[in-house]
Full PDB file with SEQRES, HELIX, SHEET, SSBOND, CRYST1, ORIGX, SCALE, CONECT and MASTER records, all heavy atoms in Angstrom:
SEQRES   1 A   43  ALA GLU ALA GLY ALA GLY ASP SER ALA ALA PRO HIS PRO          
SEQRES   2 A   43  THR ALA PRO ASP ALA THR GLY GLN LEU LEU THR ALA THR          
SEQRES   3 A   43  ALA GLN ARG SER PRO LEU SER THR ALA ILE ALA HIS TRP          
SEQRES   4 A   43  ALA ILE HIS PRO                                              
HELIX    1 AA1 ALA A   15  ALA A   25  1                                  11    
HELIX    2 AA2 LEU A   32  ALA A   35  1                                   4    
CRYST1    1.000    1.000    1.000  90.00  90.00  90.00 P 1           1          
ORIGX1      1.000000  0.000000  0.000000        0.00000                         
ORIGX2      0.000000  1.000000  0.000000        0.00000                         
ORIGX3      0.000000  0.000000  1.000000        0.00000                         
SCALE1      1.000000  0.000000  0.000000        0.00000                         
SCALE2      0.000000  1.000000  0.000000        0.00000                         
SCALE3      0.000000  0.000000  1.000000        0.00000                         
ATOM      1  N   ALA A   1      24.884-106.331 -53.835  1.00  0.00           N  
ATOM      2  CA  ALA A   1      25.666-107.560 -53.689  1.00  0.00           C  
ATOM      3  C   ALA A   1      25.439-108.479 -54.875  1.00  0.00           C  
ATOM      4  O   ALA A   1      26.370-109.085 -55.408  1.00  0.00           O  
ATOM      5  CB  ALA A   1      25.280-108.256 -52.396  1.00  0.00           C  
ATOM      6  N   GLU A   2      24.173-108.579 -55.334  1.00  0.00           N  
ATOM      7  CA  GLU A   2      23.865-109.442 -56.463  1.00  0.00           C  
ATOM      8  C   GLU A   2      24.509-108.928 -57.750  1.00  0.00           C  
ATOM      9  O   GLU A   2      24.774-109.691 -58.675  1.00  0.00           O  
ATOM     10  CB  GLU A   2      22.348-109.532 -56.645  1.00  0.00           C  
ATOM     11  CG  GLU A   2      21.656-110.299 -55.521  1.00  0.00           C  
ATOM     12  CD  GLU A   2      20.144-110.244 -55.636  1.00  0.00           C  
ATOM     13  OE1 GLU A   2      19.660-109.603 -56.612  1.00  0.00           O  
ATOM     14  OE2 GLU A   2      19.467-110.822 -54.780  1.00  0.00           O  
ATOM     15  N   ALA A   3      24.730-107.627 -57.792  1.00  0.00           N  
ATOM     16  CA  ALA A   3      25.337-107.039 -58.987  1.00  0.00           C  
ATOM     17  C   ALA A   3      26.831-107.295 -59.063  1.00  0.00           C  
ATOM     18  O   ALA A   3      27.482-106.922 -60.018  1.00  0.00           O  
ATOM     19  CB  ALA A   3      25.071-105.540 -59.030  1.00  0.00           C  
ATOM     20  N   GLY A   4      27.380-107.904 -57.991  1.00  0.00           N  
ATOM     21  CA  GLY A   4      28.797-108.261 -58.048  1.00  0.00           C  
ATOM     22  C   GLY A   4      29.648-107.690 -56.955  1.00  0.00           C  
ATOM     23  O   GLY A   4      30.806-108.047 -56.833  1.00  0.00           O  
ATOM     24  N   ALA A   5      29.080-106.772 -56.127  1.00  0.00           N  
ATOM     25  CA  ALA A   5      29.902-106.166 -55.072  1.00  0.00           C  
ATOM     26  C   ALA A   5      30.353-107.183 -54.052  1.00  0.00           C  
ATOM     27  O   ALA A   5      31.408-107.056 -53.454  1.00  0.00           O  
ATOM     28  CB  ALA A   5      29.117-105.051 -54.374  1.00  0.00           C  
ATOM     29  N   GLY A   6      29.536-108.224 -53.849  1.00  0.00           N  
ATOM     30  CA  GLY A   6      29.905-109.230 -52.858  1.00  0.00           C  
ATOM     31  C   GLY A   6      30.481-110.475 -53.475  1.00  0.00           C  
ATOM     32  O   GLY A   6      30.718-111.471 -52.800  1.00  0.00           O  
ATOM     33  N   ASP A   7      30.709-110.508 -54.809  1.00  0.00           N  
ATOM     34  CA  ASP A   7      31.231-111.685 -55.478  1.00  0.00           C  
ATOM     35  C   ASP A   7      32.661-111.939 -55.058  1.00  0.00           C  
ATOM     36  O   ASP A   7      33.468-111.013 -54.958  1.00  0.00           O  
ATOM     37  CB  ASP A   7      31.167-111.471 -56.997  1.00  0.00           C  
ATOM     38  CG  ASP A   7      31.395-112.772 -57.751  1.00  0.00           C  
ATOM     39  OD1 ASP A   7      32.544-113.231 -57.781  1.00  0.00           O  
ATOM     40  OD2 ASP A   7      30.396-113.311 -58.288  1.00  0.00           O  
ATOM     41  N   SER A   8      32.979-113.199 -54.854  1.00  0.00           N  
ATOM     42  CA  SER A   8      34.323-113.545 -54.398  1.00  0.00           C  
ATOM     43  C   SER A   8      35.372-113.204 -55.436  1.00  0.00           C  
ATOM     44  O   SER A   8      36.550-113.048 -55.111  1.00  0.00           O  
ATOM     45  CB  SER A   8      34.398-115.042 -54.060  1.00  0.00           C  
ATOM     46  OG  SER A   8      34.052-115.824 -55.198  1.00  0.00           O  
ATOM     47  N   ALA A   9      34.925-113.113 -56.718  1.00  0.00           N  
ATOM     48  CA  ALA A   9      35.900-112.777 -57.749  1.00  0.00           C  
ATOM     49  C   ALA A   9      36.234-111.306 -57.756  1.00  0.00           C  
ATOM     50  O   ALA A   9      37.251-110.901 -58.304  1.00  0.00           O  
ATOM     51  CB  ALA A   9      35.355-113.187 -59.122  1.00  0.00           C  
ATOM     52  N   ALA A  10      35.332-110.494 -57.179  1.00  0.00           N  
ATOM     53  CA  ALA A  10      35.581-109.054 -57.146  1.00  0.00           C  
ATOM     54  C   ALA A  10      36.638-108.741 -56.115  1.00  0.00           C  
ATOM     55  O   ALA A  10      36.716-109.379 -55.074  1.00  0.00           O  
ATOM     56  CB  ALA A  10      34.292-108.311 -56.815  1.00  0.00           C  
ATOM     57  N   PRO A  11      37.505-107.780 -56.376  1.00  0.00           N  
ATOM     58  CA  PRO A  11      38.544-107.430 -55.387  1.00  0.00           C  
ATOM     59  C   PRO A  11      37.920-106.880 -54.124  1.00  0.00           C  
ATOM     60  O   PRO A  11      37.011-106.054 -54.181  1.00  0.00           O  
ATOM     61  CB  PRO A  11      39.375-106.358 -56.113  1.00  0.00           C  
ATOM     62  CG  PRO A  11      38.425-105.775 -57.129  1.00  0.00           C  
ATOM     63  CD  PRO A  11      37.547-106.907 -57.556  1.00  0.00           C  
ATOM     64  N   HIS A  12      38.402-107.381 -52.982  1.00  0.00           N  
ATOM     65  CA  HIS A  12      37.928-106.865 -51.694  1.00  0.00           C  
ATOM     66  C   HIS A  12      38.517-105.482 -51.484  1.00  0.00           C  
ATOM     67  O   HIS A  12      39.641-105.214 -51.914  1.00  0.00           O  
ATOM     68  CB  HIS A  12      38.367-107.804 -50.562  1.00  0.00           C  
ATOM     69  CG  HIS A  12      37.456-107.743 -49.377  1.00  0.00           C  
ATOM     70  ND1 HIS A  12      37.306-106.632 -48.620  1.00  0.00           N  
ATOM     71  CD2 HIS A  12      36.641-108.684 -48.841  1.00  0.00           C  
ATOM     72  CE1 HIS A  12      36.446-106.865 -47.648  1.00  0.00           C  
ATOM     73  NE2 HIS A  12      36.028-108.112 -47.759  1.00  0.00           N  
ATOM     74  N   PRO A  13      37.788-104.567 -50.850  1.00  0.00           N  
ATOM     75  CA  PRO A  13      38.339-103.217 -50.641  1.00  0.00           C  
ATOM     76  C   PRO A  13      39.664-103.267 -49.909  1.00  0.00           C  
ATOM     77  O   PRO A  13      39.844-104.052 -48.983  1.00  0.00           O  
ATOM     78  CB  PRO A  13      37.258-102.536 -49.773  1.00  0.00           C  
ATOM     79  CG  PRO A  13      36.009-103.316 -50.036  1.00  0.00           C  
ATOM     80  CD  PRO A  13      36.441-104.712 -50.296  1.00  0.00           C  
ATOM     81  N   THR A  14      40.605-102.478 -50.343  1.00  0.00           N  
ATOM     82  CA  THR A  14      41.864-102.397 -49.630  1.00  0.00           C  
ATOM     83  C   THR A  14      41.645-101.686 -48.313  1.00  0.00           C  
ATOM     84  O   THR A  14      40.634-101.027 -48.110  1.00  0.00           O  
ATOM     85  CB  THR A  14      42.901-101.610 -50.458  1.00  0.00           C  
ATOM     86  OG1 THR A  14      42.385-100.283 -50.649  1.00  0.00           O  
ATOM     87  CG2 THR A  14      43.126-102.258 -51.811  1.00  0.00           C  
ATOM     88  N   ALA A  15      42.615-101.815 -47.405  1.00  0.00           N  
ATOM     89  CA  ALA A  15      42.440-101.229 -46.073  1.00  0.00           C  
ATOM     90  C   ALA A  15      42.173 -99.735 -46.116  1.00  0.00           C  
ATOM     91  O   ALA A  15      41.214 -99.261 -45.516  1.00  0.00           O  
ATOM     92  CB  ALA A  15      43.663-101.537 -45.213  1.00  0.00           C  
ATOM     93  N   PRO A  16      42.952 -98.922 -46.851  1.00  0.00           N  
ATOM     94  CA  PRO A  16      42.673 -97.482 -46.857  1.00  0.00           C  
ATOM     95  C   PRO A  16      41.316 -97.143 -47.442  1.00  0.00           C  
ATOM     96  O   PRO A  16      40.588 -96.304 -46.922  1.00  0.00           O  
ATOM     97  CB  PRO A  16      43.827 -96.914 -47.690  1.00  0.00           C  
ATOM     98  CG  PRO A  16      44.907 -97.934 -47.605  1.00  0.00           C  
ATOM     99  CD  PRO A  16      44.190 -99.254 -47.571  1.00  0.00           C  
ATOM    100  N   ASP A  17      40.953 -97.812 -48.570  1.00  0.00           N  
ATOM    101  CA  ASP A  17      39.669 -97.514 -49.199  1.00  0.00           C  
ATOM    102  C   ASP A  17      38.518 -97.906 -48.287  1.00  0.00           C  
ATOM    103  O   ASP A  17      37.528 -97.184 -48.161  1.00  0.00           O  
ATOM    104  CB  ASP A  17      39.551 -98.261 -50.534  1.00  0.00           C  
ATOM    105  CG  ASP A  17      40.482 -97.671 -51.585  1.00  0.00           C  
ATOM    106  OD1 ASP A  17      40.927 -96.527 -51.386  1.00  0.00           O  
ATOM    107  OD2 ASP A  17      40.759 -98.358 -52.579  1.00  0.00           O  
ATOM    108  N   ALA A  18      38.631 -99.080 -47.661  1.00  0.00           N  
ATOM    109  CA  ALA A  18      37.563 -99.543 -46.784  1.00  0.00           C  
ATOM    110  C   ALA A  18      37.401 -98.613 -45.597  1.00  0.00           C  
ATOM    111  O   ALA A  18      36.280 -98.331 -45.161  1.00  0.00           O  
ATOM    112  CB  ALA A  18      37.872-100.963 -46.294  1.00  0.00           C  
ATOM    113  N   THR A  19      38.521 -98.126 -45.092  1.00  0.00           N  
ATOM    114  CA  THR A  19      38.438 -97.205 -43.966  1.00  0.00           C  
ATOM    115  C   THR A  19      37.735 -95.925 -44.365  1.00  0.00           C  
ATOM    116  O   THR A  19      36.921 -95.383 -43.617  1.00  0.00           O  
ATOM    117  CB  THR A  19      39.856 -96.882 -43.432  1.00  0.00           C  
ATOM    118  OG1 THR A  19      40.501 -98.107 -43.099  1.00  0.00           O  
ATOM    119  CG2 THR A  19      39.780 -95.995 -42.204  1.00  0.00           C  
ATOM    120  N   GLY A  20      38.015 -95.435 -45.563  1.00  0.00           N  
ATOM    121  CA  GLY A  20      37.330 -94.240 -46.032  1.00  0.00           C  
ATOM    122  C   GLY A  20      35.836 -94.453 -46.167  1.00  0.00           C  
ATOM    123  O   GLY A  20      35.038 -93.598 -45.782  1.00  0.00           O  
ATOM    124  N   GLN A  21      35.449 -95.629 -46.693  1.00  0.00           N  
ATOM    125  CA  GLN A  21      34.030 -95.936 -46.801  1.00  0.00           C  
ATOM    126  C   GLN A  21      33.383 -96.005 -45.431  1.00  0.00           C  
ATOM    127  O   GLN A  21      32.268 -95.526 -45.223  1.00  0.00           O  
ATOM    128  CB  GLN A  21      33.842 -97.278 -47.523  1.00  0.00           C  
ATOM    129  CG  GLN A  21      34.133 -97.233 -49.022  1.00  0.00           C  
ATOM    130  CD  GLN A  21      33.965 -98.604 -49.634  1.00  0.00           C  
ATOM    131  OE1 GLN A  21      34.601 -99.562 -49.223  1.00  0.00           O  
ATOM    132  NE2 GLN A  21      33.096 -98.702 -50.623  1.00  0.00           N  
ATOM    133  N   LEU A  22      34.107 -96.625 -44.514  1.00  0.00           N  
ATOM    134  CA  LEU A  22      33.590 -96.763 -43.149  1.00  0.00           C  
ATOM    135  C   LEU A  22      33.294 -95.408 -42.538  1.00  0.00           C  
ATOM    136  O   LEU A  22      32.204 -95.173 -42.004  1.00  0.00           O  
ATOM    137  CB  LEU A  22      34.622 -97.492 -42.289  1.00  0.00           C  
ATOM    138  CG  LEU A  22      34.567 -97.197 -40.782  1.00  0.00           C  
ATOM    139  CD1 LEU A  22      33.345 -97.867 -40.182  1.00  0.00           C  
ATOM    140  CD2 LEU A  22      35.837 -97.653 -40.115  1.00  0.00           C  
ATOM    141  N   LEU A  23      34.248 -94.501 -42.630  1.00  0.00           N  
ATOM    142  CA  LEU A  23      34.095 -93.220 -41.963  1.00  0.00           C  
ATOM    143  C   LEU A  23      33.022 -92.366 -42.629  1.00  0.00           C  
ATOM    144  O   LEU A  23      32.445 -91.502 -41.994  1.00  0.00           O  
ATOM    145  CB  LEU A  23      35.441 -92.495 -41.947  1.00  0.00           C  
ATOM    146  CG  LEU A  23      36.524 -93.235 -41.146  1.00  0.00           C  
ATOM    147  CD1 LEU A  23      37.862 -92.515 -41.269  1.00  0.00           C  
ATOM    148  CD2 LEU A  23      36.133 -93.361 -39.687  1.00  0.00           C  
ATOM    149  N   THR A  24      32.742 -92.630 -43.888  1.00  0.00           N  
ATOM    150  CA  THR A  24      31.659 -91.917 -44.559  1.00  0.00           C  
ATOM    151  C   THR A  24      30.297 -92.460 -44.135  1.00  0.00           C  
ATOM    152  O   THR A  24      29.304 -91.739 -44.076  1.00  0.00           O  
ATOM    153  CB  THR A  24      31.805 -92.044 -46.085  1.00  0.00           C  
ATOM    154  OG1 THR A  24      33.071 -91.515 -46.458  1.00  0.00           O  
ATOM    155  CG2 THR A  24      30.704 -91.278 -46.810  1.00  0.00           C  
ATOM    156  N   ALA A  25      30.266 -93.753 -43.804  1.00  0.00           N  
ATOM    157  CA  ALA A  25      28.989 -94.414 -43.533  1.00  0.00           C  
ATOM    158  C   ALA A  25      28.562 -94.375 -42.075  1.00  0.00           C  
ATOM    159  O   ALA A  25      27.479 -94.825 -41.742  1.00  0.00           O  
ATOM    160  CB  ALA A  25      29.064 -95.868 -43.989  1.00  0.00           C  
ATOM    161  N   THR A  26      29.396 -93.851 -41.188  1.00  0.00           N  
ATOM    162  CA  THR A  26      29.084 -93.932 -39.760  1.00  0.00           C  
ATOM    163  C   THR A  26      27.761 -93.266 -39.416  1.00  0.00           C  
ATOM    164  O   THR A  26      27.045 -93.725 -38.526  1.00  0.00           O  
ATOM    165  CB  THR A  26      30.195 -93.285 -38.930  1.00  0.00           C  
ATOM    166  OG1 THR A  26      30.447 -91.982 -39.419  1.00  0.00           O  
ATOM    167  CG2 THR A  26      31.455 -94.109 -38.979  1.00  0.00           C  
ATOM    168  N   ALA A  27      27.425 -92.172 -40.093  1.00  0.00           N  
ATOM    169  CA  ALA A  27      26.190 -91.463 -39.751  1.00  0.00           C  
ATOM    170  C   ALA A  27      24.956 -92.296 -40.070  1.00  0.00           C  
ATOM    171  O   ALA A  27      23.928 -92.161 -39.417  1.00  0.00           O  
ATOM    172  CB  ALA A  27      26.126 -90.140 -40.507  1.00  0.00           C  
ATOM    173  N   GLN A  28      25.050 -93.191 -41.087  1.00  0.00           N  
ATOM    174  CA  GLN A  28      23.896 -93.994 -41.458  1.00  0.00           C  
ATOM    175  C   GLN A  28      23.801 -95.291 -40.657  1.00  0.00           C  
ATOM    176  O   GLN A  28      22.738 -95.691 -40.226  1.00  0.00           O  
ATOM    177  CB  GLN A  28      23.957 -94.339 -42.965  1.00  0.00           C  
ATOM    178  CG  GLN A  28      23.656 -93.157 -43.874  1.00  0.00           C  
ATOM    179  CD  GLN A  28      24.808 -92.182 -43.961  1.00  0.00           C  
ATOM    180  OE1 GLN A  28      25.954 -92.591 -43.981  1.00  0.00           O  
ATOM    181  NE2 GLN A  28      24.512 -90.896 -43.989  1.00  0.00           N  
ATOM    182  N   ARG A  29      24.930 -95.971 -40.475  1.00  0.00           N  
ATOM    183  CA  ARG A  29      24.855 -97.309 -39.895  1.00  0.00           C  
ATOM    184  C   ARG A  29      25.780 -97.503 -38.716  1.00  0.00           C  
ATOM    185  O   ARG A  29      25.471 -98.214 -37.770  1.00  0.00           O  
ATOM    186  CB  ARG A  29      25.189 -98.345 -40.966  1.00  0.00           C  
ATOM    187  CG  ARG A  29      25.083 -99.790 -40.448  1.00  0.00           C  
ATOM    188  CD  ARG A  29      25.299-100.787 -41.589  1.00  0.00           C  
ATOM    189  NE  ARG A  29      25.195-102.163 -41.107  1.00  0.00           N  
ATOM    190  CZ  ARG A  29      26.206-102.837 -40.590  1.00  0.00           C  
ATOM    191  NH1 ARG A  29      27.382-102.279 -40.488  1.00  0.00           N  
ATOM    192  NH2 ARG A  29      26.048-104.076 -40.166  1.00  0.00           N  
ATOM    193  N   SER A  30      26.927 -96.926 -38.763  1.00  0.00           N  
ATOM    194  CA  SER A  30      27.957 -97.045 -37.744  1.00  0.00           C  
ATOM    195  C   SER A  30      28.363 -98.479 -37.444  1.00  0.00           C  
ATOM    196  O   SER A  30      28.075 -99.009 -36.377  1.00  0.00           O  
ATOM    197  CB  SER A  30      27.517 -96.370 -36.446  1.00  0.00           C  
ATOM    198  OG  SER A  30      28.587 -96.383 -35.533  1.00  0.00           O  
ATOM    199  N   PRO A  31      29.047 -99.161 -38.390  1.00  0.00           N  
ATOM    200  CA  PRO A  31      29.599-100.470 -38.082  1.00  0.00           C  
ATOM    201  C   PRO A  31      30.655-100.407 -36.985  1.00  0.00           C  
ATOM    202  O   PRO A  31      31.020-101.417 -36.414  1.00  0.00           O  
ATOM    203  CB  PRO A  31      30.203-100.924 -39.421  1.00  0.00           C  
ATOM    204  CG  PRO A  31      30.471 -99.655 -40.163  1.00  0.00           C  
ATOM    205  CD  PRO A  31      29.377 -98.712 -39.746  1.00  0.00           C  
ATOM    206  N   LEU A  32      31.174 -99.208 -36.709  1.00  0.00           N  
ATOM    207  CA  LEU A  32      32.137 -99.057 -35.628  1.00  0.00           C  
ATOM    208  C   LEU A  32      31.612 -99.618 -34.314  1.00  0.00           C  
ATOM    209  O   LEU A  32      32.322-100.282 -33.569  1.00  0.00           O  
ATOM    210  CB  LEU A  32      32.461 -97.566 -35.432  1.00  0.00           C  
ATOM    211  CG  LEU A  32      33.413 -96.900 -36.416  1.00  0.00           C  
ATOM    212  CD1 LEU A  32      33.436 -95.412 -36.172  1.00  0.00           C  
ATOM    213  CD2 LEU A  32      34.786 -97.482 -36.291  1.00  0.00           C  
ATOM    214  N   SER A  33      30.359 -99.351 -34.010  1.00  0.00           N  
ATOM    215  CA  SER A  33      29.806 -99.729 -32.717  1.00  0.00           C  
ATOM    216  C   SER A  33      29.630-101.231 -32.574  1.00  0.00           C  
ATOM    217  O   SER A  33      29.469-101.722 -31.462  1.00  0.00           O  
ATOM    218  CB  SER A  33      28.457 -99.034 -32.491  1.00  0.00           C  
ATOM    219  OG  SER A  33      27.531 -99.431 -33.487  1.00  0.00           O  
ATOM    220  N   THR A  34      29.659-101.956 -33.698  1.00  0.00           N  
ATOM    221  CA  THR A  34      29.541-103.403 -33.613  1.00  0.00           C  
ATOM    222  C   THR A  34      30.884-104.102 -33.790  1.00  0.00           C  
ATOM    223  O   THR A  34      31.143-105.134 -33.178  1.00  0.00           O  
ATOM    224  CB  THR A  34      28.552-103.927 -34.679  1.00  0.00           C  
ATOM    225  OG1 THR A  34      28.959-103.463 -35.969  1.00  0.00           O  
ATOM    226  CG2 THR A  34      27.143-103.421 -34.400  1.00  0.00           C  
ATOM    227  N   ALA A  35      31.762-103.567 -34.634  1.00  0.00           N  
ATOM    228  CA  ALA A  35      33.072-104.185 -34.851  1.00  0.00           C  
ATOM    229  C   ALA A  35      33.991-103.977 -33.663  1.00  0.00           C  
ATOM    230  O   ALA A  35      34.852-104.819 -33.389  1.00  0.00           O  
ATOM    231  CB  ALA A  35      33.714-103.623 -36.115  1.00  0.00           C  
ATOM    232  N   ILE A  36      33.843-102.863 -32.968  1.00  0.00           N  
ATOM    233  CA  ILE A  36      34.646-102.583 -31.766  1.00  0.00           C  
ATOM    234  C   ILE A  36      33.690-102.531 -30.589  1.00  0.00           C  
ATOM    235  O   ILE A  36      32.837-101.648 -30.498  1.00  0.00           O  
ATOM    236  CB  ILE A  36      35.412-101.263 -31.908  1.00  0.00           C  
ATOM    237  CG1 ILE A  36      36.347-101.333 -33.113  1.00  0.00           C  
ATOM    238  CG2 ILE A  36      36.203-100.959 -30.638  1.00  0.00           C  
ATOM    239  CD1 ILE A  36      37.054-100.038 -33.420  1.00  0.00           C  
ATOM    240  N   ALA A  37      33.850-103.472 -29.682  1.00  0.00           N  
ATOM    241  CA  ALA A  37      32.876-103.619 -28.585  1.00  0.00           C  
ATOM    242  C   ALA A  37      32.980-102.497 -27.561  1.00  0.00           C  
ATOM    243  O   ALA A  37      31.967-102.017 -27.045  1.00  0.00           O  
ATOM    244  CB  ALA A  37      33.064-104.967 -27.898  1.00  0.00           C  
ATOM    245  N   HIS A  38      34.201-102.058 -27.257  1.00  0.00           N  
ATOM    246  CA  HIS A  38      34.401-101.139 -26.136  1.00  0.00           C  
ATOM    247  C   HIS A  38      35.213 -99.917 -26.578  1.00  0.00           C  
ATOM    248  O   HIS A  38      36.169-100.037 -27.352  1.00  0.00           O  
ATOM    249  CB  HIS A  38      35.119-101.845 -24.982  1.00  0.00           C  
ATOM    250  CG  HIS A  38      34.486-103.135 -24.583  1.00  0.00           C  
ATOM    251  ND1 HIS A  38      33.319-103.198 -23.860  1.00  0.00           N  
ATOM    252  CD2 HIS A  38      34.858-104.429 -24.832  1.00  0.00           C  
ATOM    253  CE1 HIS A  38      32.994-104.461 -23.663  1.00  0.00           C  
ATOM    254  NE2 HIS A  38      33.899-105.222 -24.249  1.00  0.00           N  
ATOM    255  N   TRP A  39      34.819 -98.774 -26.039  1.00  0.00           N  
ATOM    256  CA  TRP A  39      35.467 -97.507 -26.382  1.00  0.00           C  
ATOM    257  C   TRP A  39      35.937 -96.809 -25.111  1.00  0.00           C  
ATOM    258  O   TRP A  39      35.127 -96.441 -24.259  1.00  0.00           O  
ATOM    259  CB  TRP A  39      34.502 -96.618 -27.166  1.00  0.00           C  
ATOM    260  CG  TRP A  39      34.219 -97.182 -28.518  1.00  0.00           C  
ATOM    261  CD1 TRP A  39      33.381 -98.216 -28.828  1.00  0.00           C  
ATOM    262  CD2 TRP A  39      34.809 -96.755 -29.750  1.00  0.00           C  
ATOM    263  NE1 TRP A  39      33.405 -98.465 -30.172  1.00  0.00           N  
ATOM    264  CE2 TRP A  39      34.273 -97.583 -30.767  1.00  0.00           C  
ATOM    265  CE3 TRP A  39      35.718 -95.758 -30.087  1.00  0.00           C  
ATOM    266  CZ2 TRP A  39      34.639 -97.437 -32.107  1.00  0.00           C  
ATOM    267  CZ3 TRP A  39      36.077 -95.608 -31.418  1.00  0.00           C  
ATOM    268  CH2 TRP A  39      35.544 -96.445 -32.415  1.00  0.00           C  
ATOM    269  N   ALA A  40      37.255 -96.664 -25.002  1.00  0.00           N  
ATOM    270  CA  ALA A  40      37.844 -95.940 -23.874  1.00  0.00           C  
ATOM    271  C   ALA A  40      38.152 -94.525 -24.353  1.00  0.00           C  
ATOM    272  O   ALA A  40      39.229 -94.251 -24.884  1.00  0.00           O  
ATOM    273  CB  ALA A  40      39.113 -96.636 -23.380  1.00  0.00           C  
ATOM    274  N   ILE A  41      37.199 -93.632 -24.188  1.00  0.00           N  
ATOM    275  CA  ILE A  41      37.344 -92.244 -24.640  1.00  0.00           C  
ATOM    276  C   ILE A  41      37.711 -91.373 -23.453  1.00  0.00           C  
ATOM    277  O   ILE A  41      37.026 -91.387 -22.426  1.00  0.00           O  
ATOM    278  CB  ILE A  41      36.032 -91.740 -25.278  1.00  0.00           C  
ATOM    279  CG1 ILE A  41      35.570 -92.692 -26.387  1.00  0.00           C  
ATOM    280  CG2 ILE A  41      36.220 -90.327 -25.810  1.00  0.00           C  
ATOM    281  CD1 ILE A  41      36.540 -92.844 -27.532  1.00  0.00           C  
ATOM    282  N   HIS A  42      38.776 -90.611 -23.597  1.00  0.00           N  
ATOM    283  CA  HIS A  42      39.177 -89.713 -22.505  1.00  0.00           C  
ATOM    284  C   HIS A  42      38.058 -88.720 -22.221  1.00  0.00           C  
ATOM    285  O   HIS A  42      37.673 -87.944 -23.109  1.00  0.00           O  
ATOM    286  CB  HIS A  42      40.452 -88.966 -22.879  1.00  0.00           C  
ATOM    287  CG  HIS A  42      40.804 -87.869 -21.912  1.00  0.00           C  
ATOM    288  ND1 HIS A  42      41.179 -88.124 -20.612  1.00  0.00           N  
ATOM    289  CD2 HIS A  42      40.794 -86.524 -22.048  1.00  0.00           C  
ATOM    290  CE1 HIS A  42      41.406 -86.971 -19.995  1.00  0.00           C  
ATOM    291  NE2 HIS A  42      41.173 -85.984 -20.850  1.00  0.00           N  
ATOM    292  N   PRO A  43      37.518 -88.720 -21.006  1.00  0.00           N  
ATOM    293  CA  PRO A  43      36.415 -87.802 -20.686  1.00  0.00           C  
ATOM    294  C   PRO A  43      36.929 -86.410 -20.360  1.00  0.00           C  
ATOM    295  O   PRO A  43      36.880 -85.959 -19.204  1.00  0.00           O  
ATOM    296  CB  PRO A  43      35.747 -88.481 -19.486  1.00  0.00           C  
ATOM    297  CG  PRO A  43      36.866 -89.209 -18.803  1.00  0.00           C  
ATOM    298  CD  PRO A  43      37.819 -89.633 -19.894  1.00  0.00           C  
TER     299      PRO A  43                                                      
MASTER        0    0    0    2    0    0    0    6  298    1    0    4          
END                                                                             
Protein backbone atom coordinates (compact mmCIF):
# COMPACT_ATOMS: atom_id res chain seq x y z
CA ALA A 1 0.00 0.00 0.00
CA GLU A 2 2.84 2.38 0.86
CA ALA A 3 4.40 1.66 -2.51
CA GLY A 4 1.35 3.16 -4.18
CA ALA A 5 -1.19 0.34 -4.50
CA GLY A 6 -3.53 2.12 -2.13
CA ASP A 7 -2.80 5.67 -3.34
CA SER A 8 -5.87 7.58 -4.39
CA ALA A 9 -4.07 8.67 -7.54
CA ALA A 10 -3.58 5.07 -8.60
CA PRO A 11 -6.39 3.60 -10.72
CA HIS A 12 -8.76 1.43 -8.72
CA PRO A 13 -9.07 -2.12 -10.10
CA THR A 14 -11.80 -2.44 -12.66
CA ALA A 15 -14.65 -4.80 -11.90
CA PRO A 16 -13.42 -7.72 -14.07
CA ASP A 17 -9.81 -7.42 -12.88
CA ALA A 18 -10.83 -7.13 -9.24
CA THR A 19 -13.06 -10.15 -9.56
CA GLY A 20 -10.19 -12.16 -10.98
CA GLN A 21 -7.96 -11.12 -8.09
CA LEU A 22 -10.69 -12.01 -5.65
CA LEU A 23 -11.18 -15.50 -6.99
CA THR A 24 -7.45 -16.14 -6.93
CA ALA A 25 -7.15 -14.99 -3.32
CA THR A 26 -10.02 -16.96 -1.79
CA ALA A 27 -7.79 -19.81 -0.63
CA GLN A 28 -5.61 -17.42 1.39
CA ARG A 29 -8.08 -14.93 2.83
CA SER A 30 -11.55 -15.32 1.38
CA PRO A 31 -12.97 -11.79 1.43
CA LEU A 32 -16.10 -13.45 0.06
CA SER A 33 -17.09 -14.62 3.53
CA THR A 34 -17.00 -11.08 4.88
CA ALA A 35 -18.32 -9.05 1.92
CA ILE A 36 -21.32 -11.37 1.50
CA ALA A 37 -22.93 -12.19 4.83
CA HIS A 38 -25.23 -15.03 3.77
CA TRP A 39 -24.93 -17.87 1.28
CA ALA A 40 -27.98 -19.74 -0.01
CA ILE A 41 -26.33 -22.79 -1.58
CA HIS A 42 -28.56 -25.47 -3.05
CA PRO A 43 -27.92 -28.55 -0.89
